[in-house]
Amino acid sequence: MFDTRYYLMAVVALFYRATVLDFAERTALTSKRLYNDYEDGKYSAENIAMVGGLRAQFLHFSNYWHFDELANKDEEIEHFEMMCRVYRIAPMKAEIENEVEKLNSMLTEYYTRQSTEAVNRLAVVSMVLGAGAVVTGF
């Protein structure tokens, strides 16, 4: 009984459901921690690393573990699609993908801001050294 195709399809569909729910929970917790950091005015390195790790794990799941066609027979494909539709895997995965993309854009903004601040510091140091060179003649 436990080695039939339908049982294995149910196991895979439940694996997808559990993984998607896990990603939904982790995305919510990460967003909450980042929101708390935003209120404090400074992002912690741990939370920034968590966003990058979450995105990497979601991409790994999407590209390596998740696939739409589990079997080659039309009846089995329809059965698997029905299970996925009942478990709402596709809409939840799309919602999580959207949330992960928003977190990634926040991460890009953070790194852009860090780079801009570094360039501004370098410009100030260059101006101070340039002014010193003009005054001293070196």
Foldseek 3Di string as FASTA:
>chain_A
DCPDPLNVLLVLLVVLLVVLVVLVVLLVVLVVLVVVCVVVPHDDPVSLVSLVVSLVVLVCCVPPPDDQADDDDPVSSVSSVVSNVVSVNVVSNVVSVVSSVVSVVVSVVVVVVVVVVVVVVVVVVVVVVVVVCVVVVD
